[in-house]
């Protein structure tokens, strides 16, 4: 859906109607429900891939530490992680994907509030969902 804003109004209606018919979220990736312990690649991106995380080395380190704290709460194993200027990746094992999503949502909210204050950009959208 990256090209959504470039679509004509008719193309937008068709895209949303298709997602509605197939019982997918209208404007975001689907989140599946899994039971039992499984491995996941989780990716979270800054809105429109803006380079918000890279504004300083301290912010990138802060993001890494906070993500690992989330993983400590909601995963059993962290295999790998990568924090980049505008997104992150986690390779984890968890038996509660919903709890992990919840904790990542809390991280997104806390970091958005803090970074928007630091950048004097209140109201700016920092994160655009996460994909598992």
C-alpha atoms as a PDB file:
ATOM      1  CA  UNK A   1       0.000   0.000   0.000  1.00  0.00           C
ATOM      2  CA  UNK A   2       3.033   2.346  -0.272  1.00  0.00           C
ATOM      3  CA  UNK A   3       1.625   3.682  -3.537  1.00  0.00           C
ATOM      4  CA  UNK A   4      -1.843   4.330  -2.094  1.00  0.00           C
ATOM      5  CA  UNK A   5      -1.585   8.125  -2.308  1.00  0.00           C
ATOM      6  CA  UNK A   6      -0.532   7.897  -5.958  1.00  0.00           C
ATOM      7  CA  UNK A   7      -3.645   5.912  -6.913  1.00  0.00           C
ATOM      8  CA  UNK A   8      -6.685   7.480  -8.500  1.00  0.00           C
ATOM      9  CA  UNK A   9      -9.821   7.671  -6.346  1.00  0.00           C
ATOM     10  CA  UNK A  10     -11.260   4.688  -8.265  1.00  0.00           C
ATOM     11  CA  UNK A  11      -8.095   2.625  -7.750  1.00  0.00           C
ATOM     12  CA  UNK A  12      -8.163   3.474  -4.030  1.00  0.00           C
ATOM     13  CA  UNK A  13     -11.777   2.294  -3.752  1.00  0.00           C
ATOM     14  CA  UNK A  14     -10.884  -0.944  -5.541  1.00  0.00           C
ATOM     15  CA  UNK A  15      -7.875  -1.580  -3.289  1.00  0.00           C
ATOM     16  CA  UNK A  16      -9.851  -0.984  -0.088  1.00  0.00           C
ATOM     17  CA  UNK A  17     -12.796  -3.041  -1.361  1.00  0.00           C
ATOM     18  CA  UNK A  18     -10.476  -5.955  -2.180  1.00  0.00           C
ATOM     19  CA  UNK A  19      -8.947  -5.833   1.316  1.00  0.00           C
ATOM     20  CA  UNK A  20     -12.437  -5.633   2.870  1.00  0.00           C
ATOM     21  CA  UNK A  21     -13.680  -8.634   0.831  1.00  0.00           C
ATOM     22  CA  UNK A  22     -10.645 -10.712   1.792  1.00  0.00           C
ATOM     23  CA  UNK A  23     -11.060  -9.705   5.465  1.00  0.00           C
ATOM     24  CA  UNK A  24      -7.727  -7.904   5.620  1.00  0.00           C
ATOM     25  CA  UNK A  25      -7.104  -4.618   7.439  1.00  0.00           C
ATOM     26  CA  UNK A  26      -8.015  -1.812   5.060  1.00  0.00           C
ATOM     27  CA  UNK A  27      -4.795   0.201   5.289  1.00  0.00           C
ATOM     28  CA  UNK A  28      -2.170  -1.941   7.054  1.00  0.00           C
ATOM     29  CA  UNK A  29      -0.592  -5.383   6.916  1.00  0.00           C
ATOM     30  CA  UNK A  30      -2.601  -8.215   8.478  1.00  0.00           C
ATOM     31  CA  UNK A  31      -1.609  -9.525  11.910  1.00  0.00           C
ATOM     32  CA  UNK A  32      -2.143 -13.266  12.183  1.00  0.00           C
ATOM     33  CA  UNK A  33      -2.955 -15.135  15.376  1.00  0.00           C
ATOM     34  CA  UNK A  34      -0.640 -17.991  16.235  1.00  0.00           C
ATOM     35  CA  UNK A  35      -0.666 -20.393  19.160  1.00  0.00           C
ATOM     36  CA  UNK A  36       2.467 -21.937  20.606  1.00  0.00           C
ATOM     37  CA  UNK A  37       6.075 -20.949  20.356  1.00  0.00           C
ATOM     38  CA  UNK A  38       7.160 -19.767  16.926  1.00  0.00           C
ATOM     39  CA  UNK A  39       9.871 -17.732  15.304  1.00  0.00           C
ATOM     40  CA  UNK A  40       9.090 -14.377  13.724  1.00  0.00           C
ATOM     41  CA  UNK A  41      10.789 -11.620  11.792  1.00  0.00           C
ATOM     42  CA  UNK A  42       9.348  -8.353  13.041  1.00  0.00           C
ATOM     43  CA  UNK A  43       9.887  -5.102  11.155  1.00  0.00           C
ATOM     44  CA  UNK A  44       8.851  -1.634  12.257  1.00  0.00           C
ATOM     45  CA  UNK A  45       9.257   1.407  10.013  1.00  0.00           C
ATOM     46  CA  UNK A  46       9.160   5.129  10.540  1.00  0.00           C
ATOM     47  CA  UNK A  47       6.248   6.832   8.813  1.00  0.00           C
ATOM     48  CA  UNK A  48       7.090   7.363   5.138  1.00  0.00           C
ATOM     49  CA  UNK A  49      10.544   5.956   5.952  1.00  0.00           C
ATOM     50  CA  UNK A  50      11.674   9.269   7.433  1.00  0.00           C
ATOM     51  CA  UNK A  51      15.114   9.028   9.050  1.00  0.00           C
ATOM     52  CA  UNK A  52      13.873   9.827  12.558  1.00  0.00           C
ATOM     53  CA  UNK A  53      15.863   7.184  14.445  1.00  0.00           C
ATOM     54  CA  UNK A  54      19.197   8.377  13.044  1.00  0.00           C
ATOM     55  CA  UNK A  55      18.973  11.943  14.312  1.00  0.00           C
ATOM     56  CA  UNK A  56      21.791  11.035  16.743  1.00  0.00           C
ATOM     57  CA  UNK A  57      23.933   8.096  17.801  1.00  0.00           C
ATOM     58  CA  UNK A  58      22.320   8.356  21.236  1.00  0.00           C
ATOM     59  CA  UNK A  59      18.847   7.957  19.731  1.00  0.00           C
ATOM     60  CA  UNK A  60      19.869   4.881  17.762  1.00  0.00           C
ATOM     61  CA  UNK A  61      21.371   3.346  20.909  1.00  0.00           C
ATOM     62  CA  UNK A  62      18.279   4.309  22.923  1.00  0.00           C
ATOM     63  CA  UNK A  63      16.076   2.644  20.299  1.00  0.00           C
ATOM     64  CA  UNK A  64      18.178  -0.522  20.366  1.00  0.00           C
ATOM     65  CA  UNK A  65      18.123  -0.728  24.175  1.00  0.00           C
ATOM     66  CA  UNK A  66      14.357  -0.128  24.320  1.00  0.00           C
ATOM     67  CA  UNK A  67      13.660  -2.774  21.656  1.00  0.00           C
ATOM     68  CA  UNK A  68      15.759  -5.320  23.526  1.00  0.00           C
ATOM     69  CA  UNK A  69      13.858  -4.497  26.739  1.00  0.00           C
ATOM     70  CA  UNK A  70      10.600  -5.171  24.883  1.00  0.00           C
ATOM     71  CA  UNK A  71      12.028  -8.474  23.658  1.00  0.00           C
ATOM     72  CA  UNK A  72      13.104  -9.393  27.182  1.00  0.00           C
ATOM     73  CA  UNK A  73       9.474  -8.995  28.334  1.00  0.00           C
ATOM     74  CA  UNK A  74       7.696 -10.658  25.427  1.00  0.00           C
ATOM     75  CA  UNK A  75      10.017 -13.185  23.777  1.00  0.00           C
ATOM     76  CA  UNK A  76      11.852 -16.324  24.814  1.00  0.00           C
ATOM     77  CA  UNK A  77      14.782 -15.899  22.411  1.00  0.00           C
ATOM     78  CA  UNK A  78      16.267 -13.020  20.438  1.00  0.00           C
ATOM     79  CA  UNK A  79      18.304 -14.386  17.547  1.00  0.00           C
ATOM     80  CA  UNK A  80      19.193 -11.099  15.867  1.00  0.00           C
ATOM     81  CA  UNK A  81      18.215  -7.467  15.648  1.00  0.00           C
ATOM     82  CA  UNK A  82      19.090  -4.489  13.489  1.00  0.00           C
ATOM     83  CA  UNK A  83      18.293  -0.814  14.067  1.00  0.00           C
ATOM     84  CA  UNK A  84      18.610   1.349  10.967  1.00  0.00           C
ATOM     85  CA  UNK A  85      18.019   5.098  10.404  1.00  0.00           C
ATOM     86  CA  UNK A  86      14.339   4.632   9.522  1.00  0.00           C
ATOM     87  CA  UNK A  87      13.312   1.125  10.621  1.00  0.00           C
ATOM     88  CA  UNK A  88      14.216  -1.924  12.661  1.00  0.00           C
ATOM     89  CA  UNK A  89      14.173  -5.710  12.335  1.00  0.00           C
ATOM     90  CA  UNK A  90      13.919  -8.345  15.059  1.00  0.00           C
ATOM     91  CA  UNK A  91      14.333 -12.109  14.672  1.00  0.00           C
ATOM     92  CA  UNK A  92      12.736 -13.651  17.746  1.00  0.00           C
ATOM     93  CA  UNK A  93      10.974 -16.656  19.196  1.00  0.00           C
ATOM     94  CA  UNK A  94       7.845 -16.103  21.267  1.00  0.00           C
ATOM     95  CA  UNK A  95       4.795 -17.983  22.421  1.00  0.00           C
ATOM     96  CA  UNK A  96       2.786 -14.761  22.671  1.00  0.00           C
ATOM     97  CA  UNK A  97       2.886 -12.753  19.464  1.00  0.00           C
ATOM     98  CA  UNK A  98      -0.002 -10.603  20.700  1.00  0.00           C
ATOM     99  CA  UNK A  99       1.930  -9.624  23.833  1.00  0.00           C
ATOM    100  CA  UNK A 100       4.962  -8.762  21.694  1.00  0.00           C
ATOM    101  CA  UNK A 101       2.805  -6.598  19.398  1.00  0.00           C
ATOM    102  CA  UNK A 102       1.311  -4.890  22.455  1.00  0.00           C
ATOM    103  CA  UNK A 103       4.748  -4.144  23.927  1.00  0.00           C
ATOM    104  CA  UNK A 104       6.022  -2.878  20.565  1.00  0.00           C
ATOM    105  CA  UNK A 105       2.989  -0.580  20.367  1.00  0.00           C
ATOM    106  CA  UNK A 106       3.856   0.798  23.796  1.00  0.00           C
ATOM    107  CA  UNK A 107       7.467   1.314  22.659  1.00  0.00           C
ATOM    108  CA  UNK A 108       6.234   3.118  19.538  1.00  0.00           C
ATOM    109  CA  UNK A 109       4.065   5.429  21.662  1.00  0.00           C
ATOM    110  CA  UNK A 110       6.765   6.220  24.230  1.00  0.00           C
ATOM    111  CA  UNK A 111       9.495   6.794  21.653  1.00  0.00           C
ATOM    112  CA  UNK A 112       7.224   8.948  19.453  1.00  0.00           C
ATOM    113  CA  UNK A 113       6.331  11.189  22.374  1.00  0.00           C
ATOM    114  CA  UNK A 114       9.950  11.520  23.520  1.00  0.00           C
ATOM    115  CA  UNK A 115      11.470  12.069  20.073  1.00  0.00           C
ATOM    116  CA  UNK A 116       8.796  14.532  18.993  1.00  0.00           C
ATOM    117  CA  UNK A 117       9.508  16.530  22.142  1.00  0.00           C
ATOM    118  CA  UNK A 118      13.252  16.456  21.483  1.00  0.00           C
ATOM    119  CA  UNK A 119      12.738  17.513  17.859  1.00  0.00           C
ATOM    120  CA  UNK A 120      10.068  20.111  18.745  1.00  0.00           C
ATOM    121  CA  UNK A 121       7.664  18.319  16.377  1.00  0.00           C
ATOM    122  CA  UNK A 122       4.588  17.534  18.507  1.00  0.00           C
ATOM    123  CA  UNK A 123       1.933  15.726  16.491  1.00  0.00           C
ATOM    124  CA  UNK A 124       4.336  14.238  13.943  1.00  0.00           C
ATOM    125  CA  UNK A 125       3.666  10.582  13.160  1.00  0.00           C
ATOM    126  CA  UNK A 126       6.876   8.676  13.892  1.00  0.00           C
ATOM    127  CA  UNK A 127       5.968   5.014  13.350  1.00  0.00           C
ATOM    128  CA  UNK A 128       3.899   3.311  10.699  1.00  0.00           C
ATOM    129  CA  UNK A 129       2.784   0.044  12.253  1.00  0.00           C
ATOM    130  CA  UNK A 130       4.891  -3.089  12.437  1.00  0.00           C
ATOM    131  CA  UNK A 131       4.800  -6.219  10.311  1.00  0.00           C
ATOM    132  CA  UNK A 132       5.251  -9.742  11.591  1.00  0.00           C
END
